[in-house]
């Protein structure tokens, strides 16, 4: 699969999980980018939809102070 078609597939999966991508904040994109990179290390370029759903569920339910947590994480790296 070409890199462009893989990217389109990933965006389609993200849209299915997160809804309209143009509505996401920069903070959400940063979180998604880190999550997708981690999932690609685990699954390769063909990330399962269920893994993206689990990533979003974990983030939504276990990071109540999302902006603070992400800001803190980005300064440590």
N, C-alpha and C. Protein backbone atom coordinates (compact mmCIF):
# COMPACT_ATOMS: atom_id res chain seq x y z
N UNK A 1 0.86 -1.18 0.00
CA UNK A 1 0.00 0.00 0.00
C UNK A 1 0.90 1.23 0.00
N UNK A 2 0.58 2.21 -0.84
CA UNK A 2 1.41 3.41 -0.91
C UNK A 2 1.24 4.24 0.37
N UNK A 3 2.23 5.09 0.62
CA UNK A 3 2.18 5.92 1.83
C UNK A 3 0.96 6.84 1.81
N UNK A 4 0.63 7.38 0.64
CA UNK A 4 -0.50 8.28 0.52
C UNK A 4 -1.82 7.56 0.80
N UNK A 5 -1.99 6.35 0.27
CA UNK A 5 -3.23 5.62 0.52
C UNK A 5 -3.32 5.17 1.98
N UNK A 6 -2.17 4.86 2.59
CA UNK A 6 -2.16 4.50 4.01
C UNK A 6 -2.55 5.70 4.87
N UNK A 7 -2.03 6.88 4.50
CA UNK A 7 -2.37 8.11 5.22
C UNK A 7 -3.86 8.40 5.09
N UNK A 8 -4.41 8.25 3.90
CA UNK A 8 -5.85 8.46 3.70
C UNK A 8 -6.67 7.48 4.53
N UNK A 9 -6.22 6.24 4.61
CA UNK A 9 -6.93 5.23 5.42
C UNK A 9 -6.88 5.61 6.90
N UNK A 10 -5.72 6.06 7.36
CA UNK A 10 -5.59 6.46 8.77
C UNK A 10 -6.50 7.65 9.07
N UNK A 11 -6.52 8.66 8.17
CA UNK A 11 -7.41 9.81 8.38
C UNK A 11 -8.87 9.38 8.39
N UNK A 12 -9.24 8.44 7.53
CA UNK A 12 -10.63 7.95 7.51
C UNK A 12 -10.98 7.28 8.83
N UNK A 13 -10.05 6.49 9.37
CA UNK A 13 -10.29 5.84 10.67
C UNK A 13 -10.39 6.89 11.78
N UNK A 14 -9.51 7.89 11.75
CA UNK A 14 -9.55 8.95 12.77
C UNK A 14 -10.88 9.71 12.70
N UNK A 15 -11.34 9.97 11.49
CA UNK A 15 -12.61 10.68 11.33
C UNK A 15 -13.76 9.84 11.89
N UNK A 16 -13.69 8.53 11.70
CA UNK A 16 -14.73 7.64 12.23
C UNK A 16 -14.75 7.66 13.76
N UNK A 17 -13.57 7.76 14.37
CA UNK A 17 -13.47 7.73 15.83
C UNK A 17 -13.72 9.11 16.44
N UNK A 18 -13.14 10.17 15.86
CA UNK A 18 -13.17 11.50 16.47
C UNK A 18 -14.21 12.44 15.87
N UNK A 19 -14.83 12.06 14.76
CA UNK A 19 -15.78 12.96 14.10
C UNK A 19 -15.03 13.91 13.18
N UNK A 20 -15.62 15.07 12.87
CA UNK A 20 -14.98 16.01 11.94
C UNK A 20 -13.60 16.44 12.44
N UNK A 21 -12.59 16.12 11.68
CA UNK A 21 -11.22 16.38 12.11
C UNK A 21 -10.89 17.86 12.18
N UNK A 22 -11.59 18.67 11.38
CA UNK A 22 -11.32 20.10 11.41
C UNK A 22 -11.76 20.76 12.72
N UNK A 23 -12.55 20.06 13.51
CA UNK A 23 -13.01 20.59 14.80
C UNK A 23 -12.05 20.29 15.95
N UNK A 24 -11.00 19.51 15.70
CA UNK A 24 -10.08 19.13 16.77
C UNK A 24 -9.12 20.28 17.07
N UNK A 25 -8.78 20.40 18.34
CA UNK A 25 -7.83 21.44 18.77
C UNK A 25 -6.40 20.97 18.50
N UNK A 26 -5.47 21.90 18.61
CA UNK A 26 -4.06 21.55 18.44
C UNK A 26 -3.63 20.55 19.52
N UNK A 27 -4.16 20.71 20.71
CA UNK A 27 -3.85 19.78 21.80
C UNK A 27 -4.33 18.37 21.46
N UNK A 28 -5.54 18.27 20.92
CA UNK A 28 -6.07 16.96 20.54
C UNK A 28 -5.23 16.35 19.43
N UNK A 29 -4.81 17.16 18.46
CA UNK A 29 -3.97 16.64 17.37
C UNK A 29 -2.64 16.14 17.91
N UNK A 30 -2.07 16.84 18.87
CA UNK A 30 -0.81 16.40 19.47
C UNK A 30 -0.97 15.05 20.14
N UNK A 31 -2.07 14.90 20.88
CA UNK A 31 -2.35 13.63 21.56
C UNK A 31 -2.55 12.52 20.54
N UNK A 32 -3.31 12.80 19.49
CA UNK A 32 -3.58 11.80 18.46
C UNK A 32 -2.29 11.40 17.76
N UNK A 33 -1.46 12.38 17.46
CA UNK A 33 -0.19 12.08 16.77
C UNK A 33 0.68 11.14 17.60
N UNK A 34 0.80 11.43 18.89
CA UNK A 34 1.59 10.55 19.77
C UNK A 34 0.98 9.15 19.83
N UNK A 35 -0.34 9.09 19.94
CA UNK A 35 -1.02 7.79 20.01
C UNK A 35 -0.87 6.99 18.74
N UNK A 36 -1.01 7.65 17.58
CA UNK A 36 -0.88 6.95 16.31
C UNK A 36 0.55 6.44 16.13
N UNK A 37 1.53 7.24 16.50
CA UNK A 37 2.92 6.78 16.39
C UNK A 37 3.14 5.54 17.26
N UNK A 38 2.60 5.55 18.46
CA UNK A 38 2.75 4.39 19.36
C UNK A 38 2.04 3.17 18.77
N UNK A 39 0.85 3.37 18.22
CA UNK A 39 0.12 2.25 17.62
C UNK A 39 0.83 1.71 16.39
N UNK A 40 1.47 2.58 15.63
CA UNK A 40 2.20 2.13 14.44
C UNK A 40 3.42 1.29 14.84
N UNK A 41 4.03 1.62 15.97
CA UNK A 41 5.14 0.80 16.45
C UNK A 41 4.65 -0.60 16.80
N UNK A 42 3.43 -0.67 17.33
CA UNK A 42 2.88 -1.95 17.75
C UNK A 42 2.28 -2.75 16.58
N UNK A 43 1.54 -2.07 15.70
CA UNK A 43 0.79 -2.76 14.66
C UNK A 43 1.34 -2.56 13.25
N UNK A 44 2.32 -1.70 13.09
CA UNK A 44 2.76 -1.35 11.74
C UNK A 44 1.82 -0.28 11.20
N UNK A 45 1.87 -0.03 9.90
CA UNK A 45 1.05 1.05 9.34
C UNK A 45 -0.44 0.75 9.29
N UNK A 46 -0.83 -0.50 9.48
CA UNK A 46 -2.23 -0.88 9.39
C UNK A 46 -2.86 -0.93 10.78
N UNK A 47 -3.19 0.24 11.32
CA UNK A 47 -3.72 0.35 12.68
C UNK A 47 -5.18 -0.11 12.72
N UNK A 48 -5.52 -1.02 13.63
CA UNK A 48 -6.92 -1.45 13.75
C UNK A 48 -7.81 -0.34 14.31
N UNK A 49 -9.03 -0.26 13.81
CA UNK A 49 -10.00 0.72 14.28
C UNK A 49 -10.21 0.60 15.78
N UNK A 50 -10.29 -0.62 16.28
CA UNK A 50 -10.51 -0.84 17.71
C UNK A 50 -9.39 -0.23 18.56
N UNK A 51 -8.17 -0.23 18.05
CA UNK A 51 -7.06 0.37 18.79
C UNK A 51 -7.23 1.88 18.89
N UNK A 52 -7.70 2.52 17.81
CA UNK A 52 -7.94 3.96 17.85
C UNK A 52 -9.08 4.29 18.82
N UNK A 53 -10.12 3.47 18.80
CA UNK A 53 -11.24 3.68 19.71
C UNK A 53 -10.78 3.54 21.16
N UNK A 54 -9.95 2.54 21.43
CA UNK A 54 -9.43 2.33 22.79
C UNK A 54 -8.55 3.51 23.21
N UNK A 55 -7.75 4.03 22.28
CA UNK A 55 -6.90 5.18 22.58
C UNK A 55 -7.76 6.38 22.98
N UNK A 56 -8.81 6.65 22.21
CA UNK A 56 -9.68 7.78 22.51
C UNK A 56 -10.41 7.56 23.84
N UNK A 57 -10.90 6.35 24.06
CA UNK A 57 -11.62 6.04 25.31
C UNK A 57 -10.71 6.26 26.51
N UNK A 58 -9.49 5.77 26.43
CA UNK A 58 -8.54 5.93 27.53
C UNK A 58 -8.27 7.40 27.80
N UNK A 59 -8.02 8.14 26.75
CA UNK A 59 -7.73 9.56 26.89
C UNK A 59 -8.93 10.31 27.49
N UNK A 60 -10.12 10.03 26.97
CA UNK A 60 -11.32 10.73 27.43
C UNK A 60 -11.65 10.41 28.88
N UNK A 61 -11.38 9.18 29.32
CA UNK A 61 -11.81 8.76 30.65
C UNK A 61 -10.74 8.85 31.73
N UNK A 62 -9.48 8.92 31.36
CA UNK A 62 -8.44 8.89 32.37
C UNK A 62 -7.53 10.11 32.38
N UNK A 63 -7.90 11.13 31.61
CA UNK A 63 -7.13 12.37 31.60
C UNK A 63 -8.08 13.55 31.78
N UNK A 64 -8.63 13.71 33.00
CA UNK A 64 -9.61 14.79 33.21
C UNK A 64 -9.00 16.18 33.03
N UNK A 65 -7.73 16.32 33.30
CA UNK A 65 -7.07 17.61 33.11
C UNK A 65 -6.19 17.50 31.86
N UNK A 66 -6.84 17.28 30.73
CA UNK A 66 -6.14 16.96 29.49
C UNK A 66 -5.07 17.98 29.13
N UNK A 67 -5.43 19.25 29.11
CA UNK A 67 -4.49 20.27 28.67
C UNK A 67 -3.29 20.37 29.61
N UNK A 68 -3.54 20.28 30.90
CA UNK A 68 -2.45 20.34 31.87
C UNK A 68 -1.55 19.13 31.73
N UNK A 69 -2.14 17.96 31.63
CA UNK A 69 -1.36 16.72 31.53
C UNK A 69 -0.51 16.72 30.25
N UNK A 70 -1.10 17.11 29.15
CA UNK A 70 -0.36 17.11 27.90
C UNK A 70 0.74 18.16 27.90
N UNK A 71 0.45 19.32 28.48
CA UNK A 71 1.47 20.36 28.57
C UNK A 71 2.65 19.89 29.40
N UNK A 72 2.37 19.20 30.49
CA UNK A 72 3.41 18.68 31.36
C UNK A 72 4.22 17.61 30.64
N UNK A 73 3.53 16.72 29.93
CA UNK A 73 4.21 15.65 29.22
C UNK A 73 5.12 16.21 28.12
N UNK A 74 4.68 17.23 27.41
CA UNK A 74 5.47 17.75 26.30
C UNK A 74 6.70 18.48 26.80
N UNK A 75 6.69 19.03 28.00
CA UNK A 75 7.87 19.72 28.52
C UNK A 75 8.91 18.75 29.04
N UNK A 76 8.50 17.51 29.37
CA UNK A 76 9.44 16.53 29.88
C UNK A 76 10.25 15.86 28.78
N UNK A 77 9.75 15.82 27.59
CA UNK A 77 10.40 15.07 26.51
C UNK A 77 11.53 15.80 25.89
